[in-house]
């Protein structure tokens, strides 16, 4: 088990140890099933980026669940993933009825990790869907974007109950989302990022990945600081890539039986490092101005090679 020091960076040795080994005789079932729950009308890209990154992470199987009206569009953009079209509201967001559909699917498919939130929307029906989903499906979860904005409006005790699951939970806020979750301001979060990460981890009872320059990962006690990344990642969609990547890396750990101890924290630290390294490669190839989230996904291969 990796025992990282307090408030220090992961070493290359620790990062390599956090990767799930791949052997010649392995098959896709060995590397976990990722469920990405994302998207709404006008925000299909967030779902696509997350699913593409999950597929690039090494996960064995990826399923992308979107509101029914988006299914055909996203299927053509992520051919590596299976797709699910679920009940949607007239506004094109998930309807509350979609939670029961997804719970049945989860019981049948036995997903290893689910990533929830990118492009979900702020609409009331999407909020009801999320709360029902987290109550009904206790799969280990990575929560990002609109999922965090929805949870920010709930009381800490309710959120702890919703996030409680045997395999754990990781939330991945940027400073603005972190501020909403803590009832603070982004300036206050940025003034003491380690304190903010520890505070949310303790309040919600989960691991926290605080995005930004020198991304932090905390369980409320330990702080791991990431050293990779750059301004090429300061683009819409970059956070969605990180969400899918983290879900895929963590799914491999759990499916391989290496999910005990600090697996969620280790997977989050590894995802932050690889995401940052891919961002650096995208910046070199396209310049920080012209790089895109799609380019970051494409450069994940260089990040894995660097490790």
Protein backbone atom coordinates (compact mmCIF):
# COMPACT_ATOMS: atom_id res chain seq x y z
CA UNK A 1 0.00 0.00 0.00
CA UNK A 2 1.32 3.46 -0.88
CA UNK A 3 1.73 5.73 2.15
CA UNK A 4 2.32 9.22 0.78
CA UNK A 5 3.85 11.82 3.07
CA UNK A 6 1.73 14.71 4.26
CA UNK A 7 1.54 17.72 1.91
CA UNK A 8 4.02 16.37 -0.62
CA UNK A 9 4.01 15.33 -4.25
CA UNK A 10 3.67 11.78 -5.49
CA UNK A 11 6.96 10.32 -6.71
CA UNK A 12 7.24 8.65 -10.12
CA UNK A 13 7.68 5.34 -8.31
CA UNK A 14 4.43 5.82 -6.40
CA UNK A 15 2.59 6.89 -9.54
CA UNK A 16 3.79 3.85 -11.46
CA UNK A 17 2.75 1.65 -8.53
CA UNK A 18 -0.75 3.16 -8.74
CA UNK A 19 -1.13 1.95 -12.34
CA UNK A 20 -2.91 -1.37 -12.79
CA UNK A 21 -0.54 -3.90 -14.43
CA UNK A 22 -1.53 -5.33 -17.81
CA UNK A 23 -0.52 -8.87 -18.71
CA UNK A 24 -0.59 -10.58 -22.14
CA UNK A 25 -3.40 -12.94 -21.14
CA UNK A 26 -5.72 -10.30 -19.69
CA UNK A 27 -9.13 -9.56 -21.24
CA UNK A 28 -11.45 -6.55 -21.05
CA UNK A 29 -13.37 -7.96 -18.11
CA UNK A 30 -10.25 -7.67 -15.96
CA UNK A 31 -10.09 -3.90 -16.25
CA UNK A 32 -13.48 -2.82 -14.99
CA UNK A 33 -16.69 -1.29 -16.28
CA UNK A 34 -17.09 2.49 -16.24
CA UNK A 35 -20.47 4.19 -16.38
CA UNK A 36 -20.41 7.85 -17.45
CA UNK A 37 -23.63 9.72 -16.65
CA UNK A 38 -23.49 13.08 -18.34
CA UNK A 39 -24.90 15.55 -20.82
CA UNK A 40 -28.03 17.53 -21.55
CA UNK A 41 -29.29 19.48 -24.53
CA UNK A 42 -26.53 21.87 -25.58
CA UNK A 43 -23.88 20.10 -23.47
CA UNK A 44 -23.27 16.84 -25.30
CA UNK A 45 -19.57 17.69 -25.54
CA UNK A 46 -19.05 17.23 -21.80
CA UNK A 47 -20.39 13.68 -22.04
CA UNK A 48 -18.24 12.92 -25.07
CA UNK A 49 -15.01 14.18 -23.50
CA UNK A 50 -15.57 12.17 -20.31
CA UNK A 51 -16.35 8.97 -22.19
CA UNK A 52 -13.40 9.39 -24.54
CA UNK A 53 -11.04 9.85 -21.61
CA UNK A 54 -12.46 6.82 -19.81
CA UNK A 55 -11.85 4.76 -22.95
CA UNK A 56 -8.26 6.08 -23.14
CA UNK A 57 -7.61 5.30 -19.47
CA UNK A 58 -7.34 1.56 -19.97
CA UNK A 59 -10.79 0.65 -18.62
CA UNK A 60 -12.13 -2.55 -20.10
CA UNK A 61 -15.66 -1.35 -20.90
CA UNK A 62 -17.22 2.11 -20.99
CA UNK A 63 -20.94 2.88 -21.08
CA UNK A 64 -22.14 6.43 -21.69
CA UNK A 65 -25.61 7.27 -20.36
CA UNK A 66 -27.21 10.43 -21.75
CA UNK A 67 -30.71 11.87 -22.14
CA UNK A 68 -32.43 9.94 -24.92
CA UNK A 69 -32.34 12.78 -27.42
CA UNK A 70 -28.53 12.83 -27.36
CA UNK A 71 -27.90 9.12 -27.79
CA UNK A 72 -27.49 9.03 -31.57
CA UNK A 73 -25.23 12.08 -31.58
CA UNK A 74 -22.84 10.86 -28.90
CA UNK A 75 -22.71 7.29 -30.18
CA UNK A 76 -21.02 8.46 -33.34
CA UNK A 77 -18.47 10.49 -31.39
CA UNK A 78 -17.36 7.74 -28.99
CA UNK A 79 -17.58 4.46 -30.93
CA UNK A 80 -15.52 2.69 -28.25
CA UNK A 81 -18.33 3.17 -25.72
CA UNK A 82 -21.74 1.58 -25.41
CA UNK A 83 -24.52 4.12 -25.03
CA UNK A 84 -27.72 4.32 -23.02
CA UNK A 85 -30.49 6.76 -23.85
CA UNK A 86 -32.56 7.52 -20.75
CA UNK A 87 -35.78 9.37 -20.01
CA UNK A 88 -35.46 13.10 -20.53
CA UNK A 89 -37.43 16.21 -19.72
CA UNK A 90 -38.87 18.54 -22.39
CA UNK A 91 -35.82 20.77 -21.81
CA UNK A 92 -33.46 17.94 -22.78
CA UNK A 93 -32.06 17.08 -19.33
CA UNK A 94 -32.35 13.76 -17.50
CA UNK A 95 -35.80 13.38 -15.98
CA UNK A 96 -36.23 11.87 -12.49
CA UNK A 97 -37.58 8.68 -14.12
CA UNK A 98 -34.14 8.09 -15.64
CA UNK A 99 -32.76 7.23 -12.20
CA UNK A 100 -34.86 4.07 -11.95
CA UNK A 101 -33.86 3.07 -15.50
CA UNK A 102 -30.21 3.49 -14.64
CA UNK A 103 -30.57 1.63 -11.34
CA UNK A 104 -31.93 -1.38 -13.23
CA UNK A 105 -29.07 -1.16 -15.70
CA UNK A 106 -26.52 -0.90 -12.90
CA UNK A 107 -27.93 -3.98 -11.19
CA UNK A 108 -27.62 -5.91 -14.45
CA UNK A 109 -24.22 -4.68 -15.62
CA UNK A 110 -22.47 -4.38 -12.24
CA UNK A 111 -20.49 -1.26 -13.11
CA UNK A 112 -17.20 -0.83 -11.26
CA UNK A 113 -17.15 2.99 -11.07
CA UNK A 114 -19.56 5.67 -12.27
CA UNK A 115 -18.65 9.22 -13.27
CA UNK A 116 -21.54 11.64 -12.84
CA UNK A 117 -22.04 15.32 -13.54
CA UNK A 118 -20.42 16.76 -16.68
CA UNK A 119 -23.02 18.70 -18.63
CA UNK A 120 -25.85 17.48 -16.38
CA UNK A 121 -27.41 20.98 -16.25
CA UNK A 122 -28.75 23.00 -13.33
CA UNK A 123 -32.39 22.29 -14.11
CA UNK A 124 -34.66 21.12 -11.25
CA UNK A 125 -35.43 17.84 -13.00
CA UNK A 126 -31.71 17.08 -13.32
CA UNK A 127 -31.28 17.75 -9.61
CA UNK A 128 -34.09 15.33 -8.74
CA UNK A 129 -32.53 12.75 -11.07
CA UNK A 130 -29.12 13.06 -9.40
CA UNK A 131 -30.47 12.71 -5.86
CA UNK A 132 -32.51 9.65 -6.82
CA UNK A 133 -29.53 8.12 -8.64
CA UNK A 134 -27.12 8.56 -5.72
CA UNK A 135 -29.69 7.08 -3.34
CA UNK A 136 -30.40 4.07 -5.54
CA UNK A 137 -26.97 3.19 -6.99
CA UNK A 138 -24.13 2.69 -4.52
CA UNK A 139 -21.39 2.13 -7.07
CA UNK A 140 -18.12 3.97 -6.28
CA UNK A 141 -18.47 7.39 -7.85
CA UNK A 142 -16.55 10.31 -9.29
CA UNK A 143 -18.69 13.46 -9.07
CA UNK A 144 -17.95 16.62 -11.02
CA UNK A 145 -19.41 19.80 -12.45
CA UNK A 146 -23.20 20.11 -12.20
CA UNK A 147 -23.40 17.18 -9.77
CA UNK A 148 -21.36 19.27 -7.33
CA UNK A 149 -23.42 22.39 -7.94
CA UNK A 150 -26.56 20.42 -7.15
CA UNK A 151 -25.08 18.90 -3.98
CA UNK A 152 -23.80 22.30 -2.85
CA UNK A 153 -27.41 23.28 -2.16
CA UNK A 154 -28.00 20.36 0.21
CA UNK A 155 -27.07 20.04 3.87
CA UNK A 156 -23.79 18.31 4.81
CA UNK A 157 -25.52 15.41 6.55
CA UNK A 158 -27.66 14.67 3.50
CA UNK A 159 -24.64 14.87 1.19
CA UNK A 160 -22.63 12.50 3.40
CA UNK A 161 -25.50 10.03 3.24
CA UNK A 162 -25.77 10.32 -0.55
CA UNK A 163 -22.03 9.92 -1.06
CA UNK A 164 -21.61 7.03 1.37
CA UNK A 165 -20.82 3.88 -0.60
CA UNK A 166 -18.65 0.83 0.15
CA UNK A 167 -16.05 1.64 -2.50
CA UNK A 168 -15.79 5.34 -1.74
CA UNK A 169 -16.39 8.58 -3.61
CA UNK A 170 -14.18 11.27 -5.18
CA UNK A 171 -15.36 14.80 -5.95
CA UNK A 172 -13.44 16.99 -8.41
CA UNK A 173 -14.36 20.68 -8.01
CA UNK A 174 -12.67 23.67 -9.59
CA UNK A 175 -12.28 26.67 -7.23
CA UNK A 176 -15.71 28.12 -8.11
CA UNK A 177 -17.47 24.81 -7.45
CA UNK A 178 -15.43 24.34 -4.28
CA UNK A 179 -16.57 27.76 -3.09
CA UNK A 180 -20.22 26.84 -3.64
CA UNK A 181 -19.75 23.53 -1.82
CA UNK A 182 -18.19 25.28 1.19
CA UNK A 183 -20.42 28.35 1.15
CA UNK A 184 -17.35 30.52 0.63
CA UNK A 185 -15.87 32.60 -2.20
CA UNK A 186 -13.45 31.49 -4.90
CA UNK A 187 -10.96 34.05 -3.63
CA UNK A 188 -11.08 32.52 -0.16
CA UNK A 189 -10.60 29.03 -1.61
CA UNK A 190 -7.58 30.18 -3.63
CA UNK A 191 -6.10 31.93 -0.61
CA UNK A 192 -5.68 28.56 1.16
CA UNK A 193 -6.31 25.70 -1.25
CA UNK A 194 -5.06 22.94 1.10
CA UNK A 195 -7.41 24.09 3.85
CA UNK A 196 -10.34 24.14 1.43
CA UNK A 197 -9.60 20.63 0.14
CA UNK A 198 -9.31 19.23 3.65
CA UNK A 199 -12.47 21.01 4.78
CA UNK A 200 -14.65 19.61 2.01
CA UNK A 201 -13.23 16.09 2.44
CA UNK A 202 -14.13 16.20 6.12
CA UNK A 203 -17.53 17.80 5.57
CA UNK A 204 -18.67 15.35 2.90
CA UNK A 205 -16.71 12.26 3.97
CA UNK A 206 -15.04 11.67 0.61
CA UNK A 207 -11.81 12.21 -1.27
CA UNK A 208 -11.42 15.64 -2.90
CA UNK A 209 -9.48 16.58 -6.02
CA UNK A 210 -9.27 20.39 -6.15
CA UNK A 211 -8.46 21.41 -9.71
CA UNK A 212 -6.32 24.37 -10.70
CA UNK A 213 -2.63 25.27 -10.73
CA UNK A 214 -0.98 22.55 -8.63
CA UNK A 215 -4.05 20.35 -8.31
CA UNK A 216 -4.54 18.96 -4.80
CA UNK A 217 -5.92 15.62 -3.63
CA UNK A 218 -7.03 15.18 -0.01
CA UNK A 219 -8.90 12.76 2.24
CA UNK A 220 -9.22 15.37 4.97
CA UNK A 221 -5.85 14.50 6.53
CA UNK A 222 -3.25 14.05 3.80
CA UNK A 223 -2.64 16.50 0.96
CA UNK A 224 -1.03 15.37 -2.30
CA UNK A 225 0.13 18.11 -4.65
CA UNK A 226 0.34 17.55 -8.40
CA UNK A 227 3.27 19.06 -10.30
CA UNK A 228 2.14 18.64 -13.92
CA UNK A 229 -0.11 20.79 -16.09
CA UNK A 230 -0.21 24.28 -17.53
CA UNK A 231 -2.34 26.88 -19.25
CA UNK A 232 -3.17 24.54 -22.15
CA UNK A 233 -5.67 22.97 -19.72
CA UNK A 234 -7.45 26.29 -19.13
CA UNK A 235 -10.14 25.39 -21.66
CA UNK A 236 -13.72 24.19 -21.53
CA UNK A 237 -13.88 20.41 -21.47
CA UNK A 238 -10.55 19.81 -19.72
CA UNK A 239 -12.27 18.99 -16.43
CA UNK A 240 -14.59 16.55 -18.19
CA UNK A 241 -11.52 14.73 -19.51
CA UNK A 242 -10.11 14.45 -15.99
CA UNK A 243 -13.40 13.03 -14.69
CA UNK A 244 -13.47 10.22 -17.24
CA UNK A 245 -9.77 9.49 -16.83
CA UNK A 246 -10.06 9.21 -13.05
CA UNK A 247 -13.09 6.94 -13.27
CA UNK A 248 -11.27 4.62 -15.67
CA UNK A 249 -8.07 4.42 -13.64
CA UNK A 250 -9.99 3.77 -10.43
CA UNK A 251 -12.17 1.12 -12.09
CA UNK A 252 -9.05 -0.80 -13.08
CA UNK A 253 -7.76 -0.73 -9.52
CA UNK A 254 -11.04 -2.00 -8.11
CA UNK A 255 -11.58 -4.66 -10.76
CA UNK A 256 -8.06 -6.01 -10.27
CA UNK A 257 -8.59 -6.46 -6.54
CA UNK A 258 -6.23 -3.59 -5.67
CA UNK A 259 -9.02 -1.38 -4.35
CA UNK A 260 -8.30 -1.47 -0.63
CA UNK A 261 -6.73 1.26 1.44
CA UNK A 262 -5.98 4.50 -0.38
CA UNK A 263 -6.99 3.33 -3.87
CA UNK A 264 -9.36 6.24 -4.51
CA UNK A 265 -6.76 8.79 -3.43
CA UNK A 266 -4.00 7.08 -5.40
CA UNK A 267 -6.16 6.91 -8.51
CA UNK A 268 -7.03 10.59 -8.16
CA UNK A 269 -3.37 11.56 -7.80
CA UNK A 270 -2.45 9.43 -10.82
CA UNK A 271 -5.26 10.92 -12.89
CA UNK A 272 -4.17 14.47 -12.01
CA UNK A 273 -0.58 13.70 -13.02
CA UNK A 274 -1.51 12.04 -16.33
CA UNK A 275 -4.05 14.76 -17.15
CA UNK A 276 -1.45 17.45 -16.49
CA UNK A 277 1.18 15.64 -18.52
CA UNK A 278 -1.25 15.27 -21.44
CA UNK A 279 -1.99 18.98 -21.15
CA UNK A 280 1.73 19.74 -21.36
CA UNK A 281 2.03 17.58 -24.48
CA UNK A 282 -1.02 19.22 -26.05
CA UNK A 283 0.49 22.63 -25.34
CA UNK A 284 3.75 21.66 -27.02
CA UNK A 285 1.99 20.24 -30.06
CA UNK A 286 -0.68 22.89 -30.60
CA UNK A 287 0.49 25.77 -28.33
CA UNK A 288 -1.44 26.64 -25.17
CA UNK A 289 -3.62 28.98 -27.24
CA UNK A 290 -4.75 26.43 -29.85
CA UNK A 291 -4.90 23.29 -27.73
CA UNK A 292 -8.32 21.82 -26.95
CA UNK A 293 -9.87 19.21 -24.69
CA UNK A 294 -9.91 16.80 -27.63
CA UNK A 295 -6.18 17.38 -28.00
CA UNK A 296 -5.65 16.55 -24.33
CA UNK A 297 -7.46 13.24 -24.79
CA UNK A 298 -5.28 12.48 -27.80
CA UNK A 299 -2.12 13.20 -25.80
CA UNK A 300 -2.96 10.81 -22.97
CA UNK A 301 -0.87 8.23 -24.81
CA UNK A 302 2.18 10.49 -24.39
CA UNK A 303 1.38 10.91 -20.70
CA UNK A 304 1.30 7.16 -20.15
CA UNK A 305 4.60 6.82 -22.04
CA UNK A 306 6.18 9.51 -19.85
CA UNK A 307 5.23 7.52 -16.74
